[in-house]
């Protein structure tokens, strides 16, 4: 969940003017990674339930 923490930090900073477009891009990529990890876990749970 390191991606989540890093992405959250950048998302919180966006209220400041210190965030760049690149920082926001990295945030989206990190949140996407977290989402992928959650989906993989859900798929594994579904396989085990069968």
PDB file of N, CA and C in Angstrom:
ATOM      1  N   UNK A   1       0.805  -1.203   0.000  1.00  0.00           N
ATOM      2  CA  UNK A   1       0.000   0.000   0.000  1.00  0.00           C
ATOM      3  C   UNK A   1       0.850   1.271   0.000  1.00  0.00           C
ATOM      4  N   UNK A   2       2.109   1.126  -0.315  1.00  0.00           N
ATOM      5  CA  UNK A   2       2.975   2.291  -0.407  1.00  0.00           C
ATOM      6  C   UNK A   2       2.522   3.261  -1.484  1.00  0.00           C
ATOM      7  N   UNK A   3       1.967   2.701  -2.571  1.00  0.00           N
ATOM      8  CA  UNK A   3       1.466   3.557  -3.651  1.00  0.00           C
ATOM      9  C   UNK A   3       0.335   4.443  -3.139  1.00  0.00           C
ATOM     10  N   UNK A   4      -0.517   3.870  -2.309  1.00  0.00           N
ATOM     11  CA  UNK A   4      -1.656   4.621  -1.795  1.00  0.00           C
ATOM     12  C   UNK A   4      -1.193   5.798  -0.950  1.00  0.00           C
ATOM     13  N   UNK A   5      -0.242   5.562  -0.078  1.00  0.00           N
ATOM     14  CA  UNK A   5       0.250   6.648   0.794  1.00  0.00           C
ATOM     15  C   UNK A   5       0.895   7.764  -0.018  1.00  0.00           C
ATOM     16  N   UNK A   6       1.722   7.386  -0.982  1.00  0.00           N
ATOM     17  CA  UNK A   6       2.397   8.387  -1.807  1.00  0.00           C
ATOM     18  C   UNK A   6       1.389   9.172  -2.639  1.00  0.00           C
ATOM     19  N   UNK A   7       0.429   8.475  -3.207  1.00  0.00           N
ATOM     20  CA  UNK A   7      -0.590   9.146  -4.020  1.00  0.00           C
ATOM     21  C   UNK A   7      -1.432  10.079  -3.160  1.00  0.00           C
ATOM     22  N   UNK A   8      -1.779   9.622  -1.967  1.00  0.00           N
ATOM     23  CA  UNK A   8      -2.581  10.460  -1.073  1.00  0.00           C
ATOM     24  C   UNK A   8      -1.831  11.729  -0.693  1.00  0.00           C
ATOM     25  N   UNK A   9      -0.553  11.593  -0.405  1.00  0.00           N
ATOM     26  CA  UNK A   9       0.259  12.768  -0.049  1.00  0.00           C
ATOM     27  C   UNK A   9       0.227  13.806  -1.169  1.00  0.00           C
ATOM     28  N   UNK A  10       0.393  13.364  -2.387  1.00  0.00           N
ATOM     29  CA  UNK A  10       0.377  14.291  -3.526  1.00  0.00           C
ATOM     30  C   UNK A  10      -1.013  14.879  -3.704  1.00  0.00           C
ATOM     31  N   UNK A  11      -2.043  14.063  -3.552  1.00  0.00           N
ATOM     32  CA  UNK A  11      -3.413  14.565  -3.702  1.00  0.00           C
ATOM     33  C   UNK A  11      -3.721  15.641  -2.667  1.00  0.00           C
ATOM     34  N   UNK A  12      -3.235  15.458  -1.445  1.00  0.00           N
ATOM     35  CA  UNK A  12      -3.447  16.460  -0.405  1.00  0.00           C
ATOM     36  C   UNK A  12      -2.687  17.741  -0.744  1.00  0.00           C
ATOM     37  N   UNK A  13      -1.481  17.590  -1.275  1.00  0.00           N
ATOM     38  CA  UNK A  13      -0.673  18.761  -1.630  1.00  0.00           C
ATOM     39  C   UNK A  13      -1.268  19.554  -2.777  1.00  0.00           C
ATOM     40  N   UNK A  14      -2.157  18.947  -3.568  1.00  0.00           N
ATOM     41  CA  UNK A  14      -2.677  19.648  -4.738  1.00  0.00           C
ATOM     42  C   UNK A  14      -3.472  20.882  -4.366  1.00  0.00           C
ATOM     43  N   UNK A  15      -3.910  20.962  -3.114  1.00  0.00           N
ATOM     44  CA  UNK A  15      -4.614  22.162  -2.679  1.00  0.00           C
ATOM     45  C   UNK A  15      -3.651  23.339  -2.579  1.00  0.00           C
ATOM     46  N   UNK A  16      -2.371  23.023  -2.469  1.00  0.00           N
ATOM     47  CA  UNK A  16      -1.343  24.057  -2.507  1.00  0.00           C
ATOM     48  C   UNK A  16      -1.011  24.333  -3.967  1.00  0.00           C
ATOM     49  N   UNK A  17      -0.221  25.334  -4.198  1.00  0.00           N
ATOM     50  CA  UNK A  17       0.199  25.612  -5.572  1.00  0.00           C
ATOM     51  C   UNK A  17       1.539  24.959  -5.882  1.00  0.00           C
ATOM     52  N   UNK A  18       2.009  24.082  -4.990  1.00  0.00           N
ATOM     53  CA  UNK A  18       3.327  23.473  -5.150  1.00  0.00           C
ATOM     54  C   UNK A  18       3.307  22.192  -5.971  1.00  0.00           C
ATOM     55  N   UNK A  19       2.194  21.837  -6.543  1.00  0.00           N
ATOM     56  CA  UNK A  19       2.119  20.561  -7.251  1.00  0.00           C
ATOM     57  C   UNK A  19       2.151  20.776  -8.760  1.00  0.00           C
ATOM     58  N   UNK A  20       2.911  19.944  -9.400  1.00  0.00           N
ATOM     59  CA  UNK A  20       3.060  20.072 -10.855  1.00  0.00           C
ATOM     60  C   UNK A  20       2.150  19.074 -11.568  1.00  0.00           C
ATOM     61  N   UNK A  21       2.041  19.253 -12.853  1.00  0.00           N
ATOM     62  CA  UNK A  21       1.280  18.314 -13.674  1.00  0.00           C
ATOM     63  C   UNK A  21       1.895  16.920 -13.575  1.00  0.00           C
ATOM     64  N   UNK A  22       3.209  16.841 -13.529  1.00  0.00           N
ATOM     65  CA  UNK A  22       3.883  15.549 -13.409  1.00  0.00           C
ATOM     66  C   UNK A  22       3.535  14.878 -12.088  1.00  0.00           C
ATOM     67  N   UNK A  23       3.473  15.649 -11.002  1.00  0.00           N
ATOM     68  CA  UNK A  23       3.069  15.084  -9.714  1.00  0.00           C
ATOM     69  C   UNK A  23       1.656  14.506  -9.796  1.00  0.00           C
ATOM     70  N   UNK A  24       0.757  15.209 -10.447  1.00  0.00           N
ATOM     71  CA  UNK A  24      -0.607  14.708 -10.594  1.00  0.00           C
ATOM     72  C   UNK A  24      -0.641  13.451 -11.464  1.00  0.00           C
ATOM     73  N   UNK A  25       0.175  13.402 -12.504  1.00  0.00           N
ATOM     74  CA  UNK A  25       0.242  12.217 -13.359  1.00  0.00           C
ATOM     75  C   UNK A  25       0.710  11.008 -12.547  1.00  0.00           C
ATOM     76  N   UNK A  26       1.753  11.222 -11.744  1.00  0.00           N
ATOM     77  CA  UNK A  26       2.281  10.146 -10.905  1.00  0.00           C
ATOM     78  C   UNK A  26       1.210   9.685  -9.915  1.00  0.00           C
ATOM     79  N   UNK A  27       0.444  10.614  -9.381  1.00  0.00           N
ATOM     80  CA  UNK A  27      -0.624  10.271  -8.456  1.00  0.00           C
ATOM     81  C   UNK A  27      -1.648   9.351  -9.112  1.00  0.00           C
ATOM     82  N   UNK A  28      -2.057   9.688 -10.321  1.00  0.00           N
ATOM     83  CA  UNK A  28      -3.032   8.865 -11.034  1.00  0.00           C
ATOM     84  C   UNK A  28      -2.465   7.472 -11.286  1.00  0.00           C
ATOM     85  N   UNK A  29      -1.205   7.391 -11.675  1.00  0.00           N
ATOM     86  CA  UNK A  29      -0.567   6.094 -11.920  1.00  0.00           C
ATOM     87  C   UNK A  29      -0.517   5.276 -10.631  1.00  0.00           C
ATOM     88  N   UNK A  30      -0.197   5.911  -9.521  1.00  0.00           N
ATOM     89  CA  UNK A  30      -0.110   5.184  -8.239  1.00  0.00           C
ATOM     90  C   UNK A  30      -1.482   4.712  -7.779  1.00  0.00           C
ATOM     91  N   UNK A  31      -2.499   5.568  -7.920  1.00  0.00           N
ATOM     92  CA  UNK A  31      -3.846   5.125  -7.560  1.00  0.00           C
ATOM     93  C   UNK A  31      -4.300   3.987  -8.468  1.00  0.00           C
ATOM     94  N   UNK A  32      -3.940   4.029  -9.735  1.00  0.00           N
ATOM     95  CA  UNK A  32      -4.282   2.943 -10.655  1.00  0.00           C
ATOM     96  C   UNK A  32      -3.618   1.641 -10.213  1.00  0.00           C
ATOM     97  N   UNK A  33      -2.379   1.728  -9.741  1.00  0.00           N
ATOM     98  CA  UNK A  33      -1.681   0.537  -9.240  1.00  0.00           C
ATOM     99  C   UNK A  33      -2.402  -0.043  -8.023  1.00  0.00           C
ATOM    100  N   UNK A  34      -2.846   0.826  -7.137  1.00  0.00           N
ATOM    101  CA  UNK A  34      -3.589   0.367  -5.958  1.00  0.00           C
ATOM    102  C   UNK A  34      -4.878  -0.324  -6.386  1.00  0.00           C
ATOM    103  N   UNK A  35      -5.574   0.262  -7.335  1.00  0.00           N
ATOM    104  CA  UNK A  35      -6.823  -0.305  -7.819  1.00  0.00           C
ATOM    105  C   UNK A  35      -6.585  -1.681  -8.446  1.00  0.00           C
ATOM    106  N   UNK A  36      -5.516  -1.795  -9.237  1.00  0.00           N
ATOM    107  CA  UNK A  36      -5.167  -3.087  -9.843  1.00  0.00           C
ATOM    108  C   UNK A  36      -4.888  -4.140  -8.779  1.00  0.00           C
ATOM    109  N   UNK A  37      -4.172  -3.760  -7.719  1.00  0.00           N
ATOM    110  CA  UNK A  37      -3.879  -4.698  -6.639  1.00  0.00           C
ATOM    111  C   UNK A  37      -5.165  -5.166  -5.959  1.00  0.00           C
ATOM    112  N   UNK A  38      -6.099  -4.241  -5.756  1.00  0.00           N
ATOM    113  CA  UNK A  38      -7.371  -4.618  -5.144  1.00  0.00           C
ATOM    114  C   UNK A  38      -8.154  -5.574  -6.038  1.00  0.00           C
ATOM    115  N   UNK A  39      -8.152  -5.304  -7.339  1.00  0.00           N
ATOM    116  CA  UNK A  39      -8.864  -6.185  -8.266  1.00  0.00           C
ATOM    117  C   UNK A  39      -8.236  -7.571  -8.317  1.00  0.00           C
ATOM    118  N   UNK A  40      -6.922  -7.635  -8.263  1.00  0.00           N
ATOM    119  CA  UNK A  40      -6.241  -8.925  -8.265  1.00  0.00           C
ATOM    120  C   UNK A  40      -6.608  -9.717  -7.017  1.00  0.00           C
ATOM    121  N   UNK A  41      -6.667  -9.051  -5.890  1.00  0.00           N
ATOM    122  CA  UNK A  41      -7.055  -9.710  -4.643  1.00  0.00           C
ATOM    123  C   UNK A  41      -8.485 -10.218  -4.699  1.00  0.00           C
ATOM    124  N   UNK A  42      -9.368  -9.442  -5.277  1.00  0.00           N
ATOM    125  CA  UNK A  42     -10.768  -9.856  -5.402  1.00  0.00           C
ATOM    126  C   UNK A  42     -10.888 -11.053  -6.336  1.00  0.00           C
ATOM    127  N   UNK A  43     -10.126 -11.061  -7.400  1.00  0.00           N
ATOM    128  CA  UNK A  43     -10.142 -12.191  -8.340  1.00  0.00           C
ATOM    129  C   UNK A  43      -9.629 -13.453  -7.655  1.00  0.00           C
ATOM    130  N   UNK A  44      -8.581 -13.315  -6.853  1.00  0.00           N
ATOM    131  CA  UNK A  44      -8.048 -14.463  -6.106  1.00  0.00           C
ATOM    132  C   UNK A  44      -9.089 -14.999  -5.120  1.00  0.00           C
ATOM    133  N   UNK A  45      -9.787 -14.094  -4.442  1.00  0.00           N
ATOM    134  CA  UNK A  45     -10.830 -14.501  -3.490  1.00  0.00           C
ATOM    135  C   UNK A  45     -11.951 -15.253  -4.199  1.00  0.00           C
ATOM    136  N   UNK A  46     -12.312 -14.793  -5.390  1.00  0.00           N
ATOM    137  CA  UNK A  46     -13.376 -15.458  -6.148  1.00  0.00           C
ATOM    138  C   UNK A  46     -12.960 -16.849  -6.570  1.00  0.00           C
ATOM    139  N   UNK A  47     -11.697 -17.019  -6.952  1.00  0.00           N
ATOM    140  CA  UNK A  47     -11.206 -18.326  -7.361  1.00  0.00           C
ATOM    141  C   UNK A  47     -11.223 -19.303  -6.182  1.00  0.00           C
ATOM    142  N   UNK A  48     -10.845 -18.822  -5.002  1.00  0.00           N
ATOM    143  CA  UNK A  48     -10.793 -19.680  -3.820  1.00  0.00           C
ATOM    144  C   UNK A  48     -12.196 -20.073  -3.364  1.00  0.00           C
ATOM    145  N   UNK A  49     -13.172 -19.211  -3.587  1.00  0.00           N
ATOM    146  CA  UNK A  49     -14.540 -19.468  -3.142  1.00  0.00           C
ATOM    147  C   UNK A  49     -15.208 -20.561  -3.986  1.00  0.00           C
ATOM    148  N   UNK A  50     -14.716 -20.782  -5.168  1.00  0.00           N
ATOM    149  CA  UNK A  50     -15.338 -21.776  -6.056  1.00  0.00           C
ATOM    150  C   UNK A  50     -14.971 -23.118  -5.653  1.00  0.00           C
TER     151      UNK A  50
END
